[in-house]
Amino acid sequence: MIATTSRPAPSIPAHHPVLRALLSAPYPAVMGVLNVTPDSFSDGGQFVTPERALAQARRMVDEGADIIDIGAESTRPYGDAEPVPAEEELKRLRPVLAEVVSLGIPVSIDSMKSQVVAWALEAGAVIANDVWGLQRDPGMAALLAAHNSPVIVMHNRDRADAGIDIMKDIAAFFSRSLEIAAKAGIPAGNIVLDPGIGFGKTQEQSITALARLDELLVFGLPLLVGASRKSFINSVVPSEPHQRLGGSIAAHVIAAKAGARIIRTHDVLETVQALRVAGAIRDRQ
C-alpha cells in the first residue's frame, strides 16, 4: 500500500477559483461526459451533430451537472481507438464548444493535444482534462501554466500489465506528472488527480484502484473518478455499456465515500441523485 488516510495530506496552495467553487459543495461535483466523436466506447456517434451535442449538453445542465467535459477524440480504454489529427478534433469542436460554454457552467476540454487545448481555452473552456497526465505532449504543461488553467492529470499506460502493483504505478506516474507541472509553473492548487479507471489497467486493477482510492489522498490534491460504464463492471456482471448504470453508480458512491471530489459520468441525473442521497445518509450517521 502506498499510503493510508491516517497519514496527514500535505498542505497545498489555495485551489484555483474554478476548482474552489466546484469543490465547495458537501457532495462531489458531477462532470457530464459529452463525446462529439463517432467511435467512443459507450455513446460514439450519438452526439456528432452540433444540434445533438448541444441538446445533450443542455440536458446535462438541467439534470444537475456541475461541469461538462467535451471531447472530440475517442480515448476508449481498450487501446483500439484510431488516433485523430488535431485538425479533425478542432473540426468537431468548432461548431459546438462556444455554445456549450454559453450554458454557464465550467467546461473542460478532454484532449491530449496542446494545440487543441490552446484553442479550447481561448474559446471559453476553463479546465484541461489530459488523459496522459502532462506526459505525452511536451507543450501541454507550459501552455496550462501560461493560461493558469486547472488540469486533470489522469494515470495511463500504453498497455495493461497484470504483473505490476497498480497502486505503486499510479503513485509513480502522479509523482512524475507533478514534477512536470512544478517545473512548468503550474500551481498545485490547479491540479486534480484521476486514477484512470479502465485505462492501461486490467479489469481487476481497475477494481483495485477503486478499492484503494483513499491511498491517493496522500498527494493532498482533489481526486476525480470516472468509472461510468467501464468494462470492469462487465467483468463482475456481464453487460453492455448502456446496461451498466447500476455498476457505475455503485462505483461512484464508493469512490465518493473514499474521498473523490469530482465524479465523471455519462448519466448525470441518476449520479447526482445517488451522490446526494448517499451524502444525506452519511450526514445522519
C-alpha atoms as a PDB file:
ATOM      1  CA  MET A   1       0.000   0.000   0.000  1.00  0.00           C
ATOM      2  CA  ILE A   2       1.316   3.434  -0.860  1.00  0.00           C
ATOM      3  CA  ALA A   3      -0.469   5.326   1.882  1.00  0.00           C
ATOM      4  CA  THR A   4      -3.454   5.349   4.185  1.00  0.00           C
ATOM      5  CA  THR A   5      -5.881   8.069   5.074  1.00  0.00           C
ATOM      6  CA  SER A   6      -4.473   8.086   8.614  1.00  0.00           C
ATOM      7  CA  ARG A   7      -1.468   9.991   7.286  1.00  0.00           C
ATOM      8  CA  PRO A   8      -1.985  13.749   7.039  1.00  0.00           C
ATOM      9  CA  ALA A   9      -2.176  15.038   3.488  1.00  0.00           C
ATOM     10  CA  PRO A  10       0.396  17.655   2.518  1.00  0.00           C
ATOM     11  CA  SER A  11      -0.796  21.229   2.506  1.00  0.00           C
ATOM     12  CA  ILE A  12      -1.189  22.884  -0.886  1.00  0.00           C
ATOM     13  CA  PRO A  13      -1.881  26.422  -2.062  1.00  0.00           C
ATOM     14  CA  ALA A  14      -5.458  27.602  -2.318  1.00  0.00           C
ATOM     15  CA  HIS A  15      -7.355  25.998  -5.158  1.00  0.00           C
ATOM     16  CA  HIS A  16      -7.876  27.827  -8.431  1.00  0.00           C
ATOM     17  CA  PRO A  17     -11.186  29.777  -8.195  1.00  0.00           C
ATOM     18  CA  VAL A  18     -12.941  27.418 -10.631  1.00  0.00           C
ATOM     19  CA  LEU A  19     -11.876  24.369  -8.648  1.00  0.00           C
ATOM     20  CA  ARG A  20     -12.646  26.056  -5.334  1.00  0.00           C
ATOM     21  CA  ALA A  21     -16.221  26.650  -6.485  1.00  0.00           C
ATOM     22  CA  LEU A  22     -16.589  23.068  -7.706  1.00  0.00           C
ATOM     23  CA  LEU A  23     -15.153  21.586  -4.523  1.00  0.00           C
ATOM     24  CA  SER A  24     -17.091  23.736  -2.066  1.00  0.00           C
ATOM     25  CA  ALA A  25     -20.302  21.686  -2.072  1.00  0.00           C
ATOM     26  CA  PRO A  26     -20.858  18.992   0.591  1.00  0.00           C
ATOM     27  CA  TYR A  27     -21.136  16.367  -2.137  1.00  0.00           C
ATOM     28  CA  PRO A  28     -18.855  15.680  -5.119  1.00  0.00           C
ATOM     29  CA  ALA A  29     -19.143  17.773  -8.249  1.00  0.00           C
ATOM     30  CA  VAL A  30     -20.605  15.890 -11.200  1.00  0.00           C
ATOM     31  CA  MET A  31     -18.885  16.117 -14.567  1.00  0.00           C
ATOM     32  CA  GLY A  32     -21.089  15.219 -17.514  1.00  0.00           C
ATOM     33  CA  VAL A  33     -19.446  13.493 -20.469  1.00  0.00           C
ATOM     34  CA  LEU A  34     -20.074  14.972 -23.920  1.00  0.00           C
ATOM     35  CA  ASN A  35     -18.397  12.995 -26.692  1.00  0.00           C
ATOM     36  CA  VAL A  36     -18.576  14.635 -30.116  1.00  0.00           C
ATOM     37  CA  THR A  37     -16.984  11.555 -31.637  1.00  0.00           C
ATOM     38  CA  PRO A  38     -18.168   8.766 -33.924  1.00  0.00           C
ATOM     39  CA  ASP A  39     -16.377   5.985 -32.020  1.00  0.00           C
ATOM     40  CA  SER A  40     -16.403   6.448 -28.249  1.00  0.00           C
ATOM     41  CA  PHE A  41     -16.910   3.145 -26.436  1.00  0.00           C
ATOM     42  CA  SER A  42     -20.261   3.995 -24.857  1.00  0.00           C
ATOM     43  CA  ASP A  43     -22.022   6.688 -26.876  1.00  0.00           C
ATOM     44  CA  GLY A  44     -19.978   7.011 -30.042  1.00  0.00           C
ATOM     45  CA  GLY A  45     -21.921   8.745 -32.801  1.00  0.00           C
ATOM     46  CA  GLN A  46     -24.875   9.831 -30.676  1.00  0.00           C
ATOM     47  CA  PHE A  47     -23.794  13.474 -30.387  1.00  0.00           C
ATOM     48  CA  VAL A  48     -21.749  14.044 -33.526  1.00  0.00           C
ATOM     49  CA  THR A  49     -24.020  16.728 -34.964  1.00  0.00           C
ATOM     50  CA  PRO A  50     -23.875  20.151 -33.307  1.00  0.00           C
ATOM     51  CA  GLU A  51     -27.618  20.071 -32.679  1.00  0.00           C
ATOM     52  CA  ARG A  52     -27.494  16.769 -30.809  1.00  0.00           C
ATOM     53  CA  ALA A  53     -24.378  17.736 -28.908  1.00  0.00           C
ATOM     54  CA  LEU A  54     -25.884  20.992 -27.697  1.00  0.00           C
ATOM     55  CA  ALA A  55     -29.162  19.287 -26.782  1.00  0.00           C
ATOM     56  CA  GLN A  56     -27.260  16.747 -24.699  1.00  0.00           C
ATOM     57  CA  ALA A  57     -25.250  19.493 -23.005  1.00  0.00           C
ATOM     58  CA  ARG A  58     -28.444  21.356 -22.112  1.00  0.00           C
ATOM     59  CA  ARG A  59     -29.943  18.163 -20.782  1.00  0.00           C
ATOM     60  CA  MET A  60     -26.950  17.517 -18.537  1.00  0.00           C
ATOM     61  CA  VAL A  61     -27.081  21.063 -17.169  1.00  0.00           C
ATOM     62  CA  ASP A  62     -30.788  20.620 -16.420  1.00  0.00           C
ATOM     63  CA  GLU A  63     -30.017  17.318 -14.697  1.00  0.00           C
ATOM     64  CA  GLY A  64     -27.560  18.956 -12.324  1.00  0.00           C
ATOM     65  CA  ALA A  65     -24.133  18.704 -13.953  1.00  0.00           C
ATOM     66  CA  ASP A  66     -21.529  20.974 -12.398  1.00  0.00           C
ATOM     67  CA  ILE A  67     -19.054  20.628 -15.288  1.00  0.00           C
ATOM     68  CA  ILE A  68     -19.289  19.479 -18.897  1.00  0.00           C
ATOM     69  CA  ASP A  69     -16.324  17.563 -20.260  1.00  0.00           C
ATOM     70  CA  ILE A  70     -16.247  17.748 -24.034  1.00  0.00           C
ATOM     71  CA  GLY A  71     -14.012  15.511 -26.115  1.00  0.00           C
ATOM     72  CA  ALA A  72     -13.540  15.093 -29.848  1.00  0.00           C
ATOM     73  CA  GLU A  73     -11.189  12.106 -29.932  1.00  0.00           C
ATOM     74  CA  SER A  74     -12.059   8.688 -28.601  1.00  0.00           C
ATOM     75  CA  THR A  75      -9.719   7.610 -25.832  1.00  0.00           C
ATOM     76  CA  ARG A  76     -11.715   4.498 -25.070  1.00  0.00           C
ATOM     77  CA  PRO A  77      -9.798   2.281 -22.701  1.00  0.00           C
ATOM     78  CA  TYR A  78      -9.274  -0.709 -24.964  1.00  0.00           C
ATOM     79  CA  GLY A  79      -6.256   0.503 -26.924  1.00  0.00           C
ATOM     80  CA  ASP A  80      -8.053   0.226 -30.251  1.00  0.00           C
ATOM     81  CA  ALA A  81      -9.164   3.801 -30.843  1.00  0.00           C
ATOM     82  CA  GLU A  82      -7.902   5.351 -34.067  1.00  0.00           C
ATOM     83  CA  PRO A  83      -5.709   8.419 -33.475  1.00  0.00           C
ATOM     84  CA  VAL A  84      -7.323  11.650 -34.627  1.00  0.00           C
ATOM     85  CA  PRO A  85      -5.278  14.562 -36.015  1.00  0.00           C
ATOM     86  CA  ALA A  86      -5.571  17.840 -34.152  1.00  0.00           C
ATOM     87  CA  GLU A  87      -7.313  19.488 -37.091  1.00  0.00           C
ATOM     88  CA  GLU A  88     -10.025  16.811 -37.053  1.00  0.00           C
ATOM     89  CA  GLU A  89     -10.571  17.352 -33.323  1.00  0.00           C
ATOM     90  CA  LEU A  90     -10.888  21.071 -33.941  1.00  0.00           C
ATOM     91  CA  LYS A  91     -13.295  20.495 -36.820  1.00  0.00           C
ATOM     92  CA  ARG A  92     -15.561  18.538 -34.465  1.00  0.00           C
ATOM     93  CA  LEU A  93     -15.283  21.088 -31.661  1.00  0.00           C
ATOM     94  CA  ARG A  94     -15.672  24.375 -33.527  1.00  0.00           C
ATOM     95  CA  PRO A  95     -19.456  24.116 -34.154  1.00  0.00           C
ATOM     96  CA  VAL A  96     -20.291  23.255 -30.535  1.00  0.00           C
ATOM     97  CA  LEU A  97     -17.814  24.469 -27.935  1.00  0.00           C
ATOM     98  CA  ALA A  98     -18.837  28.118 -27.752  1.00  0.00           C
ATOM     99  CA  GLU A  99     -22.498  27.117 -27.492  1.00  0.00           C
ATOM    100  CA  VAL A 100     -21.734  24.701 -24.660  1.00  0.00           C
ATOM    101  CA  VAL A 101     -19.696  27.362 -22.862  1.00  0.00           C
ATOM    102  CA  SER A 102     -22.663  29.730 -23.147  1.00  0.00           C
ATOM    103  CA  LEU A 103     -24.741  27.399 -20.969  1.00  0.00           C
ATOM    104  CA  GLY A 104     -22.991  28.930 -17.983  1.00  0.00           C
ATOM    105  CA  ILE A 105     -21.202  26.092 -16.194  1.00  0.00           C
ATOM    106  CA  PRO A 106     -17.478  25.296 -16.396  1.00  0.00           C
ATOM    107  CA  VAL A 107     -16.397  23.354 -19.476  1.00  0.00           C
ATOM    108  CA  SER A 108     -13.372  21.098 -19.580  1.00  0.00           C
ATOM    109  CA  ILE A 109     -11.648  20.058 -22.775  1.00  0.00           C
ATOM    110  CA  ASP A 110     -10.794  16.367 -22.964  1.00  0.00           C
ATOM    111  CA  SER A 111      -7.745  16.295 -25.216  1.00  0.00           C
ATOM    112  CA  MET A 112      -4.153  15.112 -25.040  1.00  0.00           C
ATOM    113  CA  LYS A 113      -3.025  17.683 -27.637  1.00  0.00           C
ATOM    114  CA  SER A 114      -1.823  21.113 -26.550  1.00  0.00           C
ATOM    115  CA  GLN A 115      -2.879  22.610 -29.891  1.00  0.00           C
ATOM    116  CA  VAL A 116      -6.479  21.565 -29.266  1.00  0.00           C
ATOM    117  CA  VAL A 117      -6.411  22.589 -25.620  1.00  0.00           C
ATOM    118  CA  ALA A 118      -4.991  26.010 -26.509  1.00  0.00           C
ATOM    119  CA  TRP A 119      -7.829  26.653 -28.958  1.00  0.00           C
ATOM    120  CA  ALA A 120     -10.453  25.404 -26.493  1.00  0.00           C
ATOM    121  CA  LEU A 121      -9.179  27.609 -23.679  1.00  0.00           C
ATOM    122  CA  GLU A 122      -9.331  30.632 -25.970  1.00  0.00           C
ATOM    123  CA  ALA A 123     -12.881  29.612 -26.902  1.00  0.00           C
ATOM    124  CA  GLY A 124     -14.032  29.540 -23.284  1.00  0.00           C
ATOM    125  CA  ALA A 125     -13.146  26.159 -21.809  1.00  0.00           C
ATOM    126  CA  VAL A 126     -11.606  26.598 -18.353  1.00  0.00           C
ATOM    127  CA  ILE A 127     -10.193  23.156 -17.453  1.00  0.00           C
ATOM    128  CA  ALA A 128      -7.914  20.785 -19.364  1.00  0.00           C
ATOM    129  CA  ASN A 129      -8.543  17.055 -18.998  1.00  0.00           C
ATOM    130  CA  ASP A 130      -5.344  15.311 -20.105  1.00  0.00           C
ATOM    131  CA  VAL A 131      -5.620  11.514 -20.235  1.00  0.00           C
ATOM    132  CA  TRP A 132      -1.822  11.317 -20.347  1.00  0.00           C
ATOM    133  CA  GLY A 133      -1.236  13.496 -17.306  1.00  0.00           C
ATOM    134  CA  LEU A 134       1.109  16.065 -18.939  1.00  0.00           C
ATOM    135  CA  GLN A 135       3.423  13.241 -20.063  1.00  0.00           C
ATOM    136  CA  ARG A 136       2.521  12.793 -23.742  1.00  0.00           C
ATOM    137  CA  ASP A 137       2.523  16.282 -25.302  1.00  0.00           C
ATOM    138  CA  PRO A 138       5.682  18.183 -24.288  1.00  0.00           C
ATOM    139  CA  GLY A 139       3.953  21.527 -24.756  1.00  0.00           C
ATOM    140  CA  MET A 140       0.956  20.840 -22.536  1.00  0.00           C
ATOM    141  CA  ALA A 141       2.367  21.837 -19.151  1.00  0.00           C
ATOM    142  CA  ALA A 142       3.807  25.149 -20.358  1.00  0.00           C
ATOM    143  CA  LEU A 143       0.524  26.001 -22.079  1.00  0.00           C
ATOM    144  CA  LEU A 144      -1.522  25.388 -18.946  1.00  0.00           C
ATOM    145  CA  ALA A 145       0.926  27.328 -16.809  1.00  0.00           C
ATOM    146  CA  ALA A 146       0.676  30.285 -19.179  1.00  0.00           C
ATOM    147  CA  HIS A 147      -3.131  30.187 -19.030  1.00  0.00           C
ATOM    148  CA  ASN A 148      -3.228  29.483 -15.281  1.00  0.00           C
ATOM    149  CA  SER A 149      -5.704  26.735 -16.150  1.00  0.00           C
ATOM    150  CA  PRO A 150      -6.767  23.882 -13.893  1.00  0.00           C
ATOM    151  CA  VAL A 151      -5.755  20.476 -15.202  1.00  0.00           C
ATOM    152  CA  ILE A 152      -6.981  16.951 -14.594  1.00  0.00           C
ATOM    153  CA  VAL A 153      -3.943  14.669 -14.524  1.00  0.00           C
ATOM    154  CA  MET A 154      -5.025  11.138 -15.400  1.00  0.00           C
ATOM    155  CA  HIS A 155      -2.968   7.987 -14.940  1.00  0.00           C
ATOM    156  CA  ASN A 156      -2.490   5.981 -18.109  1.00  0.00           C
ATOM    157  CA  ARG A 157      -0.336   3.258 -19.609  1.00  0.00           C
ATOM    158  CA  ASP A 158       0.243   2.177 -23.206  1.00  0.00           C
ATOM    159  CA  ARG A 159      -0.865  -1.315 -22.233  1.00  0.00           C
ATOM    160  CA  ALA A 160      -2.072  -3.164 -19.182  1.00  0.00           C
ATOM    161  CA  ASP A 161       0.361  -5.330 -17.234  1.00  0.00           C
ATOM    162  CA  ALA A 162      -1.277  -7.737 -14.811  1.00  0.00           C
ATOM    163  CA  GLY A 163       2.046  -8.315 -13.063  1.00  0.00           C
ATOM    164  CA  ILE A 164       2.510  -4.831 -11.603  1.00  0.00           C
ATOM    165  CA  ASP A 165       1.276  -3.269  -8.376  1.00  0.00           C
ATOM    166  CA  ILE A 166      -1.134  -0.842  -9.980  1.00  0.00           C
ATOM    167  CA  MET A 167      -1.255   1.483  -6.980  1.00  0.00           C
ATOM    168  CA  LYS A 168       2.520   1.893  -6.963  1.00  0.00           C
ATOM    169  CA  ASP A 169       2.385   2.542 -10.699  1.00  0.00           C
ATOM    170  CA  ILE A 170      -0.316   5.194 -10.288  1.00  0.00           C
ATOM    171  CA  ALA A 171       1.634   6.869  -7.492  1.00  0.00           C
ATOM    172  CA  ALA A 172       4.862   6.898  -9.515  1.00  0.00           C
ATOM    173  CA  PHE A 173       3.020   8.295 -12.548  1.00  0.00           C
ATOM    174  CA  PHE A 174       1.443  11.067 -10.494  1.00  0.00           C
ATOM    175  CA  SER A 175       4.814  11.936  -8.987  1.00  0.00           C
ATOM    176  CA  ARG A 176       6.282  12.345 -12.474  1.00  0.00           C
ATOM    177  CA  SER A 177       3.333  14.453 -13.602  1.00  0.00           C
ATOM    178  CA  LEU A 178       3.614  16.696 -10.559  1.00  0.00           C
ATOM    179  CA  GLU A 179       7.312  17.211 -11.226  1.00  0.00           C
ATOM    180  CA  ILE A 180       6.494  18.252 -14.794  1.00  0.00           C
ATOM    181  CA  ALA A 181       3.791  20.592 -13.523  1.00  0.00           C
ATOM    182  CA  ALA A 182       6.050  22.184 -10.934  1.00  0.00           C
ATOM    183  CA  LYS A 183       8.852  22.756 -13.428  1.00  0.00           C
ATOM    184  CA  ALA A 184       6.410  24.388 -15.833  1.00  0.00           C
ATOM    185  CA  GLY A 185       4.995  26.637 -13.114  1.00  0.00           C
ATOM    186  CA  ILE A 186       1.562  25.049 -12.700  1.00  0.00           C
ATOM    187  CA  PRO A 187       0.401  25.731  -9.124  1.00  0.00           C
ATOM    188  CA  ALA A 188      -0.506  22.682  -7.070  1.00  0.00           C
ATOM    189  CA  GLY A 189      -3.892  24.288  -6.452  1.00  0.00           C
ATOM    190  CA  ASN A 190      -4.671  23.954 -10.166  1.00  0.00           C
ATOM    191  CA  ILE A 191      -4.320  20.153 -10.247  1.00  0.00           C
ATOM    192  CA  VAL A 192      -6.850  17.333  -9.929  1.00  0.00           C
ATOM    193  CA  LEU A 193      -5.718  13.684  -9.971  1.00  0.00           C
ATOM    194  CA  ASP A 194      -7.603  10.919 -11.786  1.00  0.00           C
ATOM    195  CA  PRO A 195      -6.555   7.250 -11.344  1.00  0.00           C
ATOM    196  CA  GLY A 196      -7.782   6.490 -14.869  1.00  0.00           C
ATOM    197  CA  ILE A 197     -10.213   3.668 -14.248  1.00  0.00           C
ATOM    198  CA  GLY A 198     -10.064   1.332 -17.247  1.00  0.00           C
ATOM    199  CA  PHE A 199      -7.047   2.989 -18.858  1.00  0.00           C
ATOM    200  CA  GLY A 200      -3.893   0.866 -19.118  1.00  0.00           C
ATOM    201  CA  LYS A 201      -5.297  -1.484 -16.498  1.00  0.00           C
ATOM    202  CA  THR A 202      -6.741  -4.947 -16.332  1.00  0.00           C
ATOM    203  CA  GLN A 203     -10.307  -5.111 -15.123  1.00  0.00           C
ATOM    204  CA  GLU A 204      -9.046  -6.416 -11.782  1.00  0.00           C
ATOM    205  CA  GLN A 205      -6.633  -3.494 -11.500  1.00  0.00           C
ATOM    206  CA  SER A 206      -9.455  -1.035 -12.120  1.00  0.00           C
ATOM    207  CA  ILE A 207     -11.375  -2.594  -9.248  1.00  0.00           C
ATOM    208  CA  THR A 208      -8.253  -2.430  -7.084  1.00  0.00           C
ATOM    209  CA  ALA A 209      -7.751   1.244  -7.893  1.00  0.00           C
ATOM    210  CA  LEU A 210     -11.303   1.961  -6.759  1.00  0.00           C
ATOM    211  CA  ALA A 211     -10.961  -0.184  -3.644  1.00  0.00           C
ATOM    212  CA  ARG A 212      -7.728   1.569  -2.634  1.00  0.00           C
ATOM    213  CA  LEU A 213      -8.606   5.050  -3.848  1.00  0.00           C
ATOM    214  CA  ASP A 214      -8.061   6.614  -0.433  1.00  0.00           C
ATOM    215  CA  GLU A 215      -4.339   5.843  -0.690  1.00  0.00           C
ATOM    216  CA  LEU A 216      -4.067   8.589  -3.300  1.00  0.00           C
ATOM    217  CA  LEU A 217      -5.181  11.211  -0.793  1.00  0.00           C
ATOM    218  CA  VAL A 218      -1.544  11.319   0.326  1.00  0.00           C
ATOM    219  CA  PHE A 219      -0.899  13.715  -2.584  1.00  0.00           C
ATOM    220  CA  GLY A 220      -3.134  16.301  -0.955  1.00  0.00           C
ATOM    221  CA  LEU A 221      -4.955  17.017  -4.213  1.00  0.00           C
ATOM    222  CA  PRO A 222      -8.602  16.580  -5.253  1.00  0.00           C
ATOM    223  CA  LEU A 223      -9.440  13.234  -6.821  1.00  0.00           C
ATOM    224  CA  LEU A 224     -11.655  12.683  -9.850  1.00  0.00           C
ATOM    225  CA  VAL A 225     -13.107   9.267 -10.629  1.00  0.00           C
ATOM    226  CA  GLY A 226     -14.689   8.275 -13.924  1.00  0.00           C
ATOM    227  CA  ALA A 227     -15.970   4.706 -13.662  1.00  0.00           C
ATOM    228  CA  SER A 228     -19.004   5.341 -15.821  1.00  0.00           C
ATOM    229  CA  ARG A 229     -19.977   2.301 -17.933  1.00  0.00           C
ATOM    230  CA  LYS A 230     -16.411   0.927 -17.812  1.00  0.00           C
ATOM    231  CA  SER A 231     -15.666  -2.674 -18.728  1.00  0.00           C
ATOM    232  CA  PHE A 232     -14.677  -3.750 -15.217  1.00  0.00           C
ATOM    233  CA  ILE A 233     -18.422  -3.711 -14.492  1.00  0.00           C
ATOM    234  CA  ASN A 234     -18.872  -6.296 -17.237  1.00  0.00           C
ATOM    235  CA  SER A 235     -16.265  -8.490 -15.516  1.00  0.00           C
ATOM    236  CA  VAL A 236     -18.482  -8.585 -12.424  1.00  0.00           C
ATOM    237  CA  VAL A 237     -21.881  -8.709 -14.124  1.00  0.00           C
ATOM    238  CA  PRO A 238     -21.859  -9.369 -17.898  1.00  0.00           C
ATOM    239  CA  SER A 239     -23.392  -6.306 -19.534  1.00  0.00           C
ATOM    240  CA  GLU A 240     -23.146  -3.954 -22.473  1.00  0.00           C
ATOM    241  CA  PRO A 241     -22.036  -0.349 -21.835  1.00  0.00           C
ATOM    242  CA  HIS A 242     -25.588   1.021 -21.836  1.00  0.00           C
ATOM    243  CA  GLN A 243     -26.594  -1.618 -19.259  1.00  0.00           C
ATOM    244  CA  ARG A 244     -24.031  -0.554 -16.627  1.00  0.00           C
ATOM    245  CA  LEU A 245     -25.839   2.246 -14.815  1.00  0.00           C
ATOM    246  CA  GLY A 246     -26.135   0.301 -11.576  1.00  0.00           C
ATOM    247  CA  GLY A 247     -22.485  -0.685 -11.538  1.00  0.00           C
ATOM    248  CA  SER A 248     -21.426   2.864 -12.395  1.00  0.00           C
ATOM    249  CA  ILE A 249     -23.422   4.323  -9.533  1.00  0.00           C
ATOM    250  CA  ALA A 250     -22.113   1.724  -7.076  1.00  0.00           C
ATOM    251  CA  ALA A 251     -18.519   2.529  -8.038  1.00  0.00           C
ATOM    252  CA  HIS A 252     -19.084   6.273  -7.862  1.00  0.00           C
ATOM    253  CA  VAL A 253     -20.799   6.241  -4.467  1.00  0.00           C
ATOM    254  CA  ILE A 254     -17.952   4.133  -3.043  1.00  0.00           C
ATOM    255  CA  ALA A 255     -15.413   6.470  -4.659  1.00  0.00           C
ATOM    256  CA  ALA A 256     -17.119   9.487  -3.110  1.00  0.00           C
ATOM    257  CA  LYS A 257     -17.027   7.852   0.300  1.00  0.00           C
ATOM    258  CA  ALA A 258     -13.296   7.222  -0.185  1.00  0.00           C
ATOM    259  CA  GLY A 259     -12.645  10.888  -0.949  1.00  0.00           C
ATOM    260  CA  ALA A 260     -13.343  11.535  -4.644  1.00  0.00           C
ATOM    261  CA  ARG A 261     -14.448  15.145  -5.102  1.00  0.00           C
ATOM    262  CA  ILE A 262     -15.393  15.039  -8.788  1.00  0.00           C
ATOM    263  CA  ILE A 263     -17.324  12.235 -10.490  1.00  0.00           C
ATOM    264  CA  ARG A 264     -17.250  11.948 -14.270  1.00  0.00           C
ATOM    265  CA  THR A 265     -20.313  10.249 -15.723  1.00  0.00           C
ATOM    266  CA  HIS A 266     -22.455   9.696 -18.801  1.00  0.00           C
ATOM    267  CA  ASP A 267     -25.574   9.504 -16.607  1.00  0.00           C
ATOM    268  CA  VAL A 268     -25.855  12.823 -14.836  1.00  0.00           C
ATOM    269  CA  LEU A 269     -29.386  12.723 -13.430  1.00  0.00           C
ATOM    270  CA  GLU A 270     -29.001   9.344 -11.739  1.00  0.00           C
ATOM    271  CA  THR A 271     -25.495  10.096 -10.478  1.00  0.00           C
ATOM    272  CA  VAL A 272     -26.481  13.429  -8.931  1.00  0.00           C
ATOM    273  CA  GLN A 273     -29.374  11.732  -7.157  1.00  0.00           C
ATOM    274  CA  ALA A 274     -27.223   8.855  -5.897  1.00  0.00           C
ATOM    275  CA  LEU A 275     -24.470  11.102  -4.560  1.00  0.00           C
ATOM    276  CA  ARG A 276     -26.851  13.466  -2.802  1.00  0.00           C
ATOM    277  CA  VAL A 277     -28.871  10.671  -1.207  1.00  0.00           C
ATOM    278  CA  ALA A 278     -25.657   8.953  -0.103  1.00  0.00           C
ATOM    279  CA  GLY A 279     -24.486  12.269   1.337  1.00  0.00           C
ATOM    280  CA  ALA A 280     -27.758  12.822   3.187  1.00  0.00           C
ATOM    281  CA  ILE A 281     -27.491   9.369   4.769  1.00  0.00           C
ATOM    282  CA  ARG A 282     -23.846   9.959   5.670  1.00  0.00           C
ATOM    283  CA  ASP A 283     -24.697  13.217   7.383  1.00  0.00           C
ATOM    284  CA  ARG A 284     -27.097  11.404   9.728  1.00  0.00           C
ATOM    285  CA  GLN A 285     -24.734   8.643  10.752  1.00  0.00           C
END
